[in-house]
Amino acid sequence: MTYVIAQPCVDLKDKACVDECPVDCIYEGPRKMYINPDECVDCGACEPVCPVEAIFYEDAVPDEWAGYGSADTEVFALAGVSGGASAAGPLPQDHPVVQGEPVKEPN
């Protein structure tokens, strides 16, 4: 099991979670942050600092955002990146489930 970043993060990308992650497993996509499930150690440090409560344990993702569980896994297969977010830099593209979300305008 791992943690997942769901829909509330789309077009927000606060990045407080990145600062809290002790293993550098949270990568930035064009519209959303992603947790690499192969690097996540399930510590949960990211969850309480998320200002929009977008981070869930994998088996606790709300039904309306179920597609985000596989998105965080599949985006890394598509991008072919691993080895820590700071070394890899931003992901080249978002997962299709994120790309399909309407764009949220900044407040």
PDB file of N, CA and C in Angstrom:
ATOM      1  N   MET A   1       0.838  -1.188   0.000  1.00  0.00           N
ATOM      2  CA  MET A   1       0.000   0.000   0.000  1.00  0.00           C
ATOM      3  C   MET A   1       0.881   1.248   0.000  1.00  0.00           C
ATOM      4  N   THR A   2       0.300   2.339  -0.473  1.00  0.00           N
ATOM      5  CA  THR A   2       1.008   3.615  -0.535  1.00  0.00           C
ATOM      6  C   THR A   2       0.003   4.752  -0.418  1.00  0.00           C
ATOM      7  N   TYR A   3       0.490   5.940  -0.452  1.00  0.00           N
ATOM      8  CA  TYR A   3      -0.379   7.114  -0.438  1.00  0.00           C
ATOM      9  C   TYR A   3      -0.613   7.586  -1.863  1.00  0.00           C
ATOM     10  N   VAL A   4      -1.739   8.289  -2.062  1.00  0.00           N
ATOM     11  CA  VAL A   4      -2.175   8.758  -3.374  1.00  0.00           C
ATOM     12  C   VAL A   4      -2.567  10.226  -3.251  1.00  0.00           C
ATOM     13  N   ILE A   5      -2.248  11.002  -4.271  1.00  0.00           N
ATOM     14  CA  ILE A   5      -2.689  12.396  -4.318  1.00  0.00           C
ATOM     15  C   ILE A   5      -3.850  12.472  -5.303  1.00  0.00           C
ATOM     16  N   ALA A   6      -5.004  12.915  -4.818  1.00  0.00           N
ATOM     17  CA  ALA A   6      -6.244  12.891  -5.605  1.00  0.00           C
ATOM     18  C   ALA A   6      -6.605  14.261  -6.184  1.00  0.00           C
ATOM     19  N   GLN A   7      -7.808  14.343  -6.709  1.00  0.00           N
ATOM     20  CA  GLN A   7      -8.316  15.487  -7.475  1.00  0.00           C
ATOM     21  C   GLN A   7      -8.164  16.861  -6.823  1.00  0.00           C
ATOM     22  N   PRO A   8      -8.309  17.016  -5.502  1.00  0.00           N
ATOM     23  CA  PRO A   8      -8.180  18.369  -4.945  1.00  0.00           C
ATOM     24  C   PRO A   8      -6.833  19.042  -5.222  1.00  0.00           C
ATOM     25  N   CYS A   9      -5.813  18.271  -5.560  1.00  0.00           N
ATOM     26  CA  CYS A   9      -4.494  18.834  -5.864  1.00  0.00           C
ATOM     27  C   CYS A   9      -4.409  19.398  -7.281  1.00  0.00           C
ATOM     28  N   VAL A  10      -5.295  18.985  -8.166  1.00  0.00           N
ATOM     29  CA  VAL A  10      -5.225  19.415  -9.566  1.00  0.00           C
ATOM     30  C   VAL A  10      -5.307  20.944  -9.633  1.00  0.00           C
ATOM     31  N   ASP A  11      -4.348  21.523 -10.288  1.00  0.00           N
ATOM     32  CA  ASP A  11      -4.199  22.972 -10.489  1.00  0.00           C
ATOM     33  C   ASP A  11      -3.911  23.736  -9.200  1.00  0.00           C
ATOM     34  N   LEU A  12      -3.567  23.050  -8.121  1.00  0.00           N
ATOM     35  CA  LEU A  12      -3.194  23.727  -6.881  1.00  0.00           C
ATOM     36  C   LEU A  12      -1.701  23.580  -6.631  1.00  0.00           C
ATOM     37  N   LYS A  13      -1.229  22.348  -6.496  1.00  0.00           N
ATOM     38  CA  LYS A  13       0.182  22.027  -6.295  1.00  0.00           C
ATOM     39  C   LYS A  13       0.836  22.890  -5.218  1.00  0.00           C
ATOM     40  N   ASP A  14       0.298  22.852  -4.015  1.00  0.00           N
ATOM     41  CA  ASP A  14       0.814  23.619  -2.877  1.00  0.00           C
ATOM     42  C   ASP A  14       2.261  23.265  -2.533  1.00  0.00           C
ATOM     43  N   LYS A  15       2.642  22.035  -2.650  1.00  0.00           N
ATOM     44  CA  LYS A  15       3.980  21.481  -2.421  1.00  0.00           C
ATOM     45  C   LYS A  15       4.408  21.389  -0.958  1.00  0.00           C
ATOM     46  N   ALA A  16       3.513  21.633  -0.010  1.00  0.00           N
ATOM     47  CA  ALA A  16       3.867  21.420   1.394  1.00  0.00           C
ATOM     48  C   ALA A  16       4.239  19.955   1.620  1.00  0.00           C
ATOM     49  N   CYS A  17       3.598  19.076   0.861  1.00  0.00           N
ATOM     50  CA  CYS A  17       3.876  17.643   0.974  1.00  0.00           C
ATOM     51  C   CYS A  17       5.316  17.316   0.583  1.00  0.00           C
ATOM     52  N   VAL A  18       5.834  18.014  -0.396  1.00  0.00           N
ATOM     53  CA  VAL A  18       7.208  17.779  -0.859  1.00  0.00           C
ATOM     54  C   VAL A  18       8.193  18.085   0.260  1.00  0.00           C
ATOM     55  N   ASP A  19       7.969  19.184   0.963  1.00  0.00           N
ATOM     56  CA  ASP A  19       8.853  19.574   2.059  1.00  0.00           C
ATOM     57  C   ASP A  19       8.841  18.559   3.203  1.00  0.00           C
ATOM     58  N   GLU A  20       7.723  17.872   3.408  1.00  0.00           N
ATOM     59  CA  GLU A  20       7.594  16.906   4.500  1.00  0.00           C
ATOM     60  C   GLU A  20       8.068  15.503   4.143  1.00  0.00           C
ATOM     61  N   CYS A  21       8.128  15.180   2.866  1.00  0.00           N
ATOM     62  CA  CYS A  21       8.461  13.809   2.446  1.00  0.00           C
ATOM     63  C   CYS A  21       9.933  13.491   2.732  1.00  0.00           C
ATOM     64  N   PRO A  22      10.196  12.499   3.584  1.00  0.00           N
ATOM     65  CA  PRO A  22      11.583  12.174   3.924  1.00  0.00           C
ATOM     66  C   PRO A  22      12.324  11.360   2.857  1.00  0.00           C
ATOM     67  N   VAL A  23      11.603  10.848   1.863  1.00  0.00           N
ATOM     68  CA  VAL A  23      12.255   9.999   0.855  1.00  0.00           C
ATOM     69  C   VAL A  23      12.200  10.569  -0.557  1.00  0.00           C
ATOM     70  N   ASP A  24      11.729  11.816  -0.719  1.00  0.00           N
ATOM     71  CA  ASP A  24      11.750  12.484  -2.024  1.00  0.00           C
ATOM     72  C   ASP A  24      10.973  11.715  -3.088  1.00  0.00           C
ATOM     73  N   CYS A  25       9.760  11.247  -2.726  1.00  0.00           N
ATOM     74  CA  CYS A  25       8.980  10.436  -3.664  1.00  0.00           C
ATOM     75  C   CYS A  25       7.800  11.183  -4.280  1.00  0.00           C
ATOM     76  N   ILE A  26       7.686  12.492  -4.021  1.00  0.00           N
ATOM     77  CA  ILE A  26       6.568  13.266  -4.554  1.00  0.00           C
ATOM     78  C   ILE A  26       7.069  14.120  -5.712  1.00  0.00           C
ATOM     79  N   TYR A  27       6.569  13.796  -6.887  1.00  0.00           N
ATOM     80  CA  TYR A  27       7.008  14.425  -8.130  1.00  0.00           C
ATOM     81  C   TYR A  27       5.977  15.444  -8.597  1.00  0.00           C
ATOM     82  N   GLU A  28       6.443  16.459  -9.291  1.00  0.00           N
ATOM     83  CA  GLU A  28       5.559  17.489  -9.811  1.00  0.00           C
ATOM     84  C   GLU A  28       5.200  17.195 -11.260  1.00  0.00           C
ATOM     85  N   GLY A  29       3.911  17.180 -11.547  1.00  0.00           N
ATOM     86  CA  GLY A  29       3.432  17.095 -12.914  1.00  0.00           C
ATOM     87  C   GLY A  29       2.986  18.470 -13.350  1.00  0.00           C
ATOM     88  N   PRO A  30       2.579  18.638 -14.592  1.00  0.00           N
ATOM     89  CA  PRO A  30       2.134  19.952 -15.048  1.00  0.00           C
ATOM     90  C   PRO A  30       0.964  20.527 -14.236  1.00  0.00           C
ATOM     91  N   ARG A  31       0.036  19.657 -13.772  1.00  0.00           N
ATOM     92  CA  ARG A  31      -1.148  20.151 -13.059  1.00  0.00           C
ATOM     93  C   ARG A  31      -1.342  19.558 -11.672  1.00  0.00           C
ATOM     94  N   LYS A  32      -0.570  18.555 -11.285  1.00  0.00           N
ATOM     95  CA  LYS A  32      -0.784  17.842 -10.020  1.00  0.00           C
ATOM     96  C   LYS A  32       0.523  17.240  -9.539  1.00  0.00           C
ATOM     97  N   MET A  33       0.620  17.048  -8.237  1.00  0.00           N
ATOM     98  CA  MET A  33       1.742  16.334  -7.640  1.00  0.00           C
ATOM     99  C   MET A  33       1.409  14.832  -7.654  1.00  0.00           C
ATOM    100  N   TYR A  34       2.434  13.993  -7.753  1.00  0.00           N
ATOM    101  CA  TYR A  34       2.262  12.537  -7.825  1.00  0.00           C
ATOM    102  C   TYR A  34       3.204  11.850  -6.842  1.00  0.00           C
ATOM    103  N   ILE A  35       2.713  10.818  -6.168  1.00  0.00           N
ATOM    104  CA  ILE A  35       3.541  10.009  -5.282  1.00  0.00           C
ATOM    105  C   ILE A  35       3.964   8.750  -6.027  1.00  0.00           C
ATOM    106  N   ASN A  36       5.274   8.527  -6.107  1.00  0.00           N
ATOM    107  CA  ASN A  36       5.779   7.317  -6.739  1.00  0.00           C
ATOM    108  C   ASN A  36       5.605   6.158  -5.760  1.00  0.00           C
ATOM    109  N   PRO A  37       4.711   5.209  -6.077  1.00  0.00           N
ATOM    110  CA  PRO A  37       4.432   4.119  -5.136  1.00  0.00           C
ATOM    111  C   PRO A  37       5.620   3.190  -4.904  1.00  0.00           C
ATOM    112  N   ASP A  38       6.567   3.167  -5.818  1.00  0.00           N
ATOM    113  CA  ASP A  38       7.746   2.321  -5.630  1.00  0.00           C
ATOM    114  C   ASP A  38       8.753   2.954  -4.674  1.00  0.00           C
ATOM    115  N   GLU A  39       8.616   4.242  -4.429  1.00  0.00           N
ATOM    116  CA  GLU A  39       9.548   4.948  -3.550  1.00  0.00           C
ATOM    117  C   GLU A  39       8.929   5.333  -2.206  1.00  0.00           C
ATOM    118  N   CYS A  40       7.608   5.399  -2.142  1.00  0.00           N
ATOM    119  CA  CYS A  40       6.908   5.787  -0.921  1.00  0.00           C
ATOM    120  C   CYS A  40       7.126   4.728   0.164  1.00  0.00           C
ATOM    121  N   VAL A  41       7.432   5.187   1.373  1.00  0.00           N
ATOM    122  CA  VAL A  41       7.652   4.269   2.495  1.00  0.00           C
ATOM    123  C   VAL A  41       6.465   4.247   3.453  1.00  0.00           C
ATOM    124  N   ASP A  42       5.342   4.806   3.023  1.00  0.00           N
ATOM    125  CA  ASP A  42       4.099   4.792   3.799  1.00  0.00           C
ATOM    126  C   ASP A  42       4.226   5.455   5.173  1.00  0.00           C
ATOM    127  N   CYS A  43       5.048   6.487   5.258  1.00  0.00           N
ATOM    128  CA  CYS A  43       5.228   7.141   6.561  1.00  0.00           C
ATOM    129  C   CYS A  43       4.066   8.049   6.911  1.00  0.00           C
ATOM    130  N   GLY A  44       3.364   8.576   5.908  1.00  0.00           N
ATOM    131  CA  GLY A  44       2.216   9.434   6.144  1.00  0.00           C
ATOM    132  C   GLY A  44       2.544  10.877   6.469  1.00  0.00           C
ATOM    133  N   ALA A  45       3.792  11.284   6.379  1.00  0.00           N
ATOM    134  CA  ALA A  45       4.173  12.659   6.716  1.00  0.00           C
ATOM    135  C   ALA A  45       3.499  13.680   5.803  1.00  0.00           C
ATOM    136  N   CYS A  46       3.225  13.310   4.589  1.00  0.00           N
ATOM    137  CA  CYS A  46       2.630  14.226   3.611  1.00  0.00           C
ATOM    138  C   CYS A  46       1.153  14.513   3.878  1.00  0.00           C
ATOM    139  N   GLU A  47       0.440  13.540   4.386  1.00  0.00           N
ATOM    140  CA  GLU A  47      -1.023  13.647   4.511  1.00  0.00           C
ATOM    141  C   GLU A  47      -1.498  14.820   5.370  1.00  0.00           C
ATOM    142  N   PRO A  48      -0.994  15.004   6.583  1.00  0.00           N
ATOM    143  CA  PRO A  48      -1.542  16.078   7.413  1.00  0.00           C
ATOM    144  C   PRO A  48      -1.178  17.487   6.968  1.00  0.00           C
ATOM    145  N   VAL A  49      -0.160  17.648   6.150  1.00  0.00           N
ATOM    146  CA  VAL A  49       0.239  18.998   5.731  1.00  0.00           C
ATOM    147  C   VAL A  49      -0.455  19.469   4.459  1.00  0.00           C
ATOM    148  N   CYS A  50      -1.195  18.600   3.807  1.00  0.00           N
ATOM    149  CA  CYS A  50      -1.881  18.971   2.567  1.00  0.00           C
ATOM    150  C   CYS A  50      -3.023  19.944   2.900  1.00  0.00           C
ATOM    151  N   PRO A  51      -2.983  21.169   2.349  1.00  0.00           N
ATOM    152  CA  PRO A  51      -3.998  22.165   2.709  1.00  0.00           C
ATOM    153  C   PRO A  51      -5.388  21.880   2.151  1.00  0.00           C
ATOM    154  N   VAL A  52      -5.487  21.010   1.155  1.00  0.00           N
ATOM    155  CA  VAL A  52      -6.789  20.707   0.555  1.00  0.00           C
ATOM    156  C   VAL A  52      -7.210  19.255   0.786  1.00  0.00           C
ATOM    157  N   GLU A  53      -6.506  18.562   1.656  1.00  0.00           N
ATOM    158  CA  GLU A  53      -6.807  17.168   1.986  1.00  0.00           C
ATOM    159  C   GLU A  53      -6.934  16.292   0.749  1.00  0.00           C
ATOM    160  N   ALA A  54      -5.921  16.368  -0.100  1.00  0.00           N
ATOM    161  CA  ALA A  54      -5.900  15.605  -1.346  1.00  0.00           C
ATOM    162  C   ALA A  54      -5.157  14.283  -1.222  1.00  0.00           C
ATOM    163  N   ILE A  55      -4.495  14.029  -0.102  1.00  0.00           N
ATOM    164  CA  ILE A  55      -3.666  12.838   0.054  1.00  0.00           C
ATOM    165  C   ILE A  55      -4.399  11.802   0.900  1.00  0.00           C
ATOM    166  N   PHE A  56      -4.454  10.587   0.339  1.00  0.00           N
ATOM    167  CA  PHE A  56      -5.179   9.489   0.986  1.00  0.00           C
ATOM    168  C   PHE A  56      -4.335   8.226   0.955  1.00  0.00           C
ATOM    169  N   TYR A  57      -4.537   7.378   1.977  1.00  0.00           N
ATOM    170  CA  TYR A  57      -3.952   6.051   1.904  1.00  0.00           C
ATOM    171  C   TYR A  57      -4.634   5.338   0.738  1.00  0.00           C
ATOM    172  N   GLU A  58      -3.909   4.531   0.005  1.00  0.00           N
ATOM    173  CA  GLU A  58      -4.379   3.927  -1.244  1.00  0.00           C
ATOM    174  C   GLU A  58      -5.759   3.283  -1.144  1.00  0.00           C
ATOM    175  N   ASP A  59      -6.043   2.581  -0.070  1.00  0.00           N
ATOM    176  CA  ASP A  59      -7.345   1.921   0.039  1.00  0.00           C
ATOM    177  C   ASP A  59      -8.419   2.817   0.662  1.00  0.00           C
ATOM    178  N   ALA A  60      -8.101   4.099   0.879  1.00  0.00           N
ATOM    179  CA  ALA A  60      -9.062   5.039   1.460  1.00  0.00           C
ATOM    180  C   ALA A  60      -9.408   6.195   0.518  1.00  0.00           C
ATOM    181  N   VAL A  61      -9.007   6.097  -0.748  1.00  0.00           N
ATOM    182  CA  VAL A  61      -9.339   7.143  -1.718  1.00  0.00           C
ATOM    183  C   VAL A  61     -10.854   7.137  -1.916  1.00  0.00           C
ATOM    184  N   PRO A  62     -11.511   8.309  -1.771  1.00  0.00           N
ATOM    185  CA  PRO A  62     -12.968   8.358  -1.973  1.00  0.00           C
ATOM    186  C   PRO A  62     -13.370   7.841  -3.355  1.00  0.00           C
ATOM    187  N   ASP A  63     -14.522   7.214  -3.422  1.00  0.00           N
ATOM    188  CA  ASP A  63     -14.989   6.593  -4.660  1.00  0.00           C
ATOM    189  C   ASP A  63     -14.989   7.557  -5.841  1.00  0.00           C
ATOM    190  N   GLU A  64     -15.364   8.811  -5.612  1.00  0.00           N
ATOM    191  CA  GLU A  64     -15.438   9.762  -6.731  1.00  0.00           C
ATOM    192  C   GLU A  64     -14.065  10.069  -7.329  1.00  0.00           C
ATOM    193  N   TRP A  65     -12.990   9.732  -6.614  1.00  0.00           N
ATOM    194  CA  TRP A  65     -11.639   9.961  -7.111  1.00  0.00           C
ATOM    195  C   TRP A  65     -10.872   8.651  -7.283  1.00  0.00           C
ATOM    196  N   ALA A  66     -11.570   7.562  -7.443  1.00  0.00           N
ATOM    197  CA  ALA A  66     -10.940   6.243  -7.526  1.00  0.00           C
ATOM    198  C   ALA A  66      -9.884   6.162  -8.624  1.00  0.00           C
ATOM    199  N   GLY A  67     -10.082   6.861  -9.725  1.00  0.00           N
ATOM    200  CA  GLY A  67      -9.119   6.834 -10.829  1.00  0.00           C
ATOM    201  C   GLY A  67      -7.757   7.391 -10.473  1.00  0.00           C
ATOM    202  N   TYR A  68      -7.697   8.168  -9.409  1.00  0.00           N
ATOM    203  CA  TYR A  68      -6.424   8.748  -8.998  1.00  0.00           C
ATOM    204  C   TYR A  68      -5.501   7.728  -8.353  1.00  0.00           C
ATOM    205  N   GLY A  69      -6.047   6.653  -7.831  1.00  0.00           N
ATOM    206  CA  GLY A  69      -5.209   5.596  -7.271  1.00  0.00           C
ATOM    207  C   GLY A  69      -4.315   4.984  -8.316  1.00  0.00           C
ATOM    208  N   SER A  70      -4.874   4.690  -9.463  1.00  0.00           N
ATOM    209  CA  SER A  70      -4.057   4.133 -10.537  1.00  0.00           C
ATOM    210  C   SER A  70      -3.259   5.204 -11.266  1.00  0.00           C
ATOM    211  N   ALA A  71      -3.724   6.447 -11.238  1.00  0.00           N
ATOM    212  CA  ALA A  71      -3.010   7.531 -11.927  1.00  0.00           C
ATOM    213  C   ALA A  71      -1.615   7.711 -11.353  1.00  0.00           C
ATOM    214  N   ASP A  72      -1.502   7.700 -10.024  1.00  0.00           N
ATOM    215  CA  ASP A  72      -0.192   7.885  -9.410  1.00  0.00           C
ATOM    216  C   ASP A  72       0.746   6.729  -9.736  1.00  0.00           C
ATOM    217  N   THR A  73       0.227   5.552  -9.973  1.00  0.00           N
ATOM    218  CA  THR A  73       1.059   4.419 -10.375  1.00  0.00           C
ATOM    219  C   THR A  73       1.398   4.484 -11.855  1.00  0.00           C
ATOM    220  N   GLU A  74       0.391   4.702 -12.678  1.00  0.00           N
ATOM    221  CA  GLU A  74       0.557   4.648 -14.127  1.00  0.00           C
ATOM    222  C   GLU A  74       1.391   5.798 -14.691  1.00  0.00           C
ATOM    223  N   VAL A  75       1.350   6.967 -14.071  1.00  0.00           N
ATOM    224  CA  VAL A  75       2.112   8.095 -14.614  1.00  0.00           C
ATOM    225  C   VAL A  75       3.610   7.796 -14.613  1.00  0.00           C
ATOM    226  N   PHE A  76       4.072   7.019 -13.650  1.00  0.00           N
ATOM    227  CA  PHE A  76       5.498   6.694 -13.614  1.00  0.00           C
ATOM    228  C   PHE A  76       5.867   5.660 -14.668  1.00  0.00           C
ATOM    229  N   ALA A  77       4.957   4.766 -15.001  1.00  0.00           N
ATOM    230  CA  ALA A  77       5.191   3.821 -16.093  1.00  0.00           C
ATOM    231  C   ALA A  77       5.253   4.566 -17.420  1.00  0.00           C
ATOM    232  N   LEU A  78       4.384   5.574 -17.579  1.00  0.00           N
ATOM    233  CA  LEU A  78       4.373   6.371 -18.807  1.00  0.00           C
ATOM    234  C   LEU A  78       5.614   7.241 -18.942  1.00  0.00           C
ATOM    235  N   ALA A  79       6.039   7.854 -17.838  1.00  0.00           N
ATOM    236  CA  ALA A  79       7.166   8.785 -17.869  1.00  0.00           C
ATOM    237  C   ALA A  79       8.514   8.083 -17.773  1.00  0.00           C
ATOM    238  N   GLY A  80       8.521   6.900 -17.161  1.00  0.00           N
ATOM    239  CA  GLY A  80       9.777   6.160 -17.025  1.00  0.00           C
ATOM    240  C   GLY A  80      10.782   6.842 -16.104  1.00  0.00           C
ATOM    241  N   VAL A  81      10.316   7.515 -15.058  1.00  0.00           N
ATOM    242  CA  VAL A  81      11.218   8.171 -14.117  1.00  0.00           C
ATOM    243  C   VAL A  81      11.154   7.503 -12.754  1.00  0.00           C
ATOM    244  N   SER A  82      12.275   7.558 -12.058  1.00  0.00           N
ATOM    245  CA  SER A  82      12.351   7.085 -10.679  1.00  0.00           C
ATOM    246  C   SER A  82      13.680   7.563 -10.125  1.00  0.00           C
ATOM    247  N   GLY A  83      13.914   7.294  -8.862  1.00  0.00           N
ATOM    248  CA  GLY A  83      15.189   7.649  -8.269  1.00  0.00           C
ATOM    249  C   GLY A  83      15.175   8.943  -7.486  1.00  0.00           C
ATOM    250  N   GLY A  84      13.987   9.447  -7.192  1.00  0.00           N
ATOM    251  CA  GLY A  84      13.876  10.662  -6.406  1.00  0.00           C
ATOM    252  C   GLY A  84      13.435  11.841  -7.237  1.00  0.00           C
ATOM    253  N   ALA A  85      12.485  12.571  -6.707  1.00  0.00           N
ATOM    254  CA  ALA A  85      11.879  13.676  -7.441  1.00  0.00           C
ATOM    255  C   ALA A  85      12.852  14.816  -7.708  1.00  0.00           C
ATOM    256  N   SER A  86      13.699  15.152  -6.743  1.00  0.00           N
ATOM    257  CA  SER A  86      14.584  16.297  -6.941  1.00  0.00           C
ATOM    258  C   SER A  86      15.590  16.042  -8.057  1.00  0.00           C
ATOM    259  N   ALA A  87      16.028  14.810  -8.230  1.00  0.00           N
ATOM    260  CA  ALA A  87      16.966  14.485  -9.306  1.00  0.00           C
ATOM    261  C   ALA A  87      16.268  14.393 -10.663  1.00  0.00           C
ATOM    262  N   ALA A  88      15.018  13.947 -10.654  1.00  0.00           N
ATOM    263  CA  ALA A  88      14.297  13.732 -11.911  1.00  0.00           C
ATOM    264  C   ALA A  88      13.730  15.007 -12.512  1.00  0.00           C
ATOM    265  N   GLY A  89      13.379  15.960 -11.669  1.00  0.00           N
ATOM    266  CA  GLY A  89      12.725  17.165 -12.162  1.00  0.00           C
ATOM    267  C   GLY A  89      11.263  16.904 -12.454  1.00  0.00           C
ATOM    268  N   PRO A  90      10.562  17.900 -13.005  1.00  0.00           N
ATOM    269  CA  PRO A  90       9.121  17.752 -13.268  1.00  0.00           C
ATOM    270  C   PRO A  90       8.816  16.641 -14.274  1.00  0.00           C
ATOM    271  N   LEU A  91       7.677  16.007 -14.083  1.00  0.00           N
ATOM    272  CA  LEU A  91       7.211  14.992 -15.034  1.00  0.00           C
ATOM    273  C   LEU A  91       6.817  15.680 -16.334  1.00  0.00           C
ATOM    274  N   PRO A  92       7.017  15.023 -17.467  1.00  0.00           N
ATOM    275  CA  PRO A  92       6.727  15.664 -18.760  1.00  0.00           C
ATOM    276  C   PRO A  92       5.238  15.873 -19.041  1.00  0.00           C
ATOM    277  N   GLN A  93       4.392  15.011 -18.467  1.00  0.00           N
ATOM    278  CA  GLN A  93       2.956  15.155 -18.698  1.00  0.00           C
ATOM    279  C   GLN A  93       2.177  14.539 -17.556  1.00  0.00           C
ATOM    280  N   ASP A  94       0.928  15.002 -17.438  1.00  0.00           N
ATOM    281  CA  ASP A  94       0.036  14.445 -16.440  1.00  0.00           C
ATOM    282  C   ASP A  94      -0.603  13.165 -16.954  1.00  0.00           C
ATOM    283  N   HIS A  95      -1.137  12.386 -16.031  1.00  0.00           N
ATOM    284  CA  HIS A  95      -1.897  11.187 -16.361  1.00  0.00           C
ATOM    285  C   HIS A  95      -3.184  11.623 -17.072  1.00  0.00           C
ATOM    286  N   PRO A  96      -3.725  10.815 -17.974  1.00  0.00           N
ATOM    287  CA  PRO A  96      -4.967  11.171 -18.677  1.00  0.00           C
ATOM    288  C   PRO A  96      -6.139  11.528 -17.763  1.00  0.00           C
ATOM    289  N   VAL A  97      -6.253  10.913 -16.585  1.00  0.00           N
ATOM    290  CA  VAL A  97      -7.355  11.253 -15.678  1.00  0.00           C
ATOM    291  C   VAL A  97      -7.221  12.716 -15.224  1.00  0.00           C
ATOM    292  N   VAL A  98      -6.016  13.201 -15.060  1.00  0.00           N
ATOM    293  CA  VAL A  98      -5.778  14.594 -14.675  1.00  0.00           C
ATOM    294  C   VAL A  98      -5.983  15.512 -15.884  1.00  0.00           C
ATOM    295  N   GLN A  99      -5.496  15.094 -17.020  1.00  0.00           N
ATOM    296  CA  GLN A  99      -5.664  15.897 -18.236  1.00  0.00           C
ATOM    297  C   GLN A  99      -7.135  16.133 -18.546  1.00  0.00           C
ATOM    298  N   GLY A 100      -7.991  15.194 -18.170  1.00  0.00           N
ATOM    299  CA  GLY A 100      -9.425  15.302 -18.433  1.00  0.00           C
ATOM    300  C   GLY A 100     -10.180  16.202 -17.468  1.00  0.00           C
ATOM    301  N   GLU A 101      -9.530  16.633 -16.405  1.00  0.00           N
ATOM    302  CA  GLU A 101     -10.184  17.520 -15.432  1.00  0.00           C
ATOM    303  C   GLU A 101     -10.303  18.940 -16.002  1.00  0.00           C
ATOM    304  N   PRO A 102     -11.416  19.616 -15.719  1.00  0.00           N
ATOM    305  CA  PRO A 102     -11.515  21.022 -16.134  1.00  0.00           C
ATOM    306  C   PRO A 102     -10.443  21.845 -15.428  1.00  0.00           C
ATOM    307  N   VAL A 103      -9.925  22.838 -16.098  1.00  0.00           N
ATOM    308  CA  VAL A 103      -8.887  23.688 -15.511  1.00  0.00           C
ATOM    309  C   VAL A 103      -9.508  24.585 -14.459  1.00  0.00           C
ATOM    310  N   LYS A 104      -8.879  24.616 -13.278  1.00  0.00           N
ATOM    311  CA  LYS A 104      -9.330  25.478 -12.183  1.00  0.00           C
ATOM    312  C   LYS A 104      -8.559  26.795 -12.279  1.00  0.00           C
ATOM    313  N   GLU A 105      -9.276  27.884 -12.292  1.00  0.00           N
ATOM    314  CA  GLU A 105      -8.626  29.187 -12.327  1.00  0.00           C
ATOM    315  C   GLU A 105      -8.113  29.535 -10.930  1.00  0.00           C
ATOM    316  N   PRO A 106      -6.939  30.196 -10.842  1.00  0.00           N
ATOM    317  CA  PRO A 106      -6.426  30.591  -9.522  1.00  0.00           C
ATOM    318  C   PRO A 106      -7.367  31.567  -8.834  1.00  0.00           C
ATOM    319  N   ASN A 107      -7.405  31.491  -7.519  1.00  0.00           N
ATOM    320  CA  ASN A 107      -8.261  32.403  -6.747  1.00  0.00           C
ATOM    321  C   ASN A 107      -7.714  33.808  -6.742  1.00  0.00           C
TER     322      ASN A 107
END
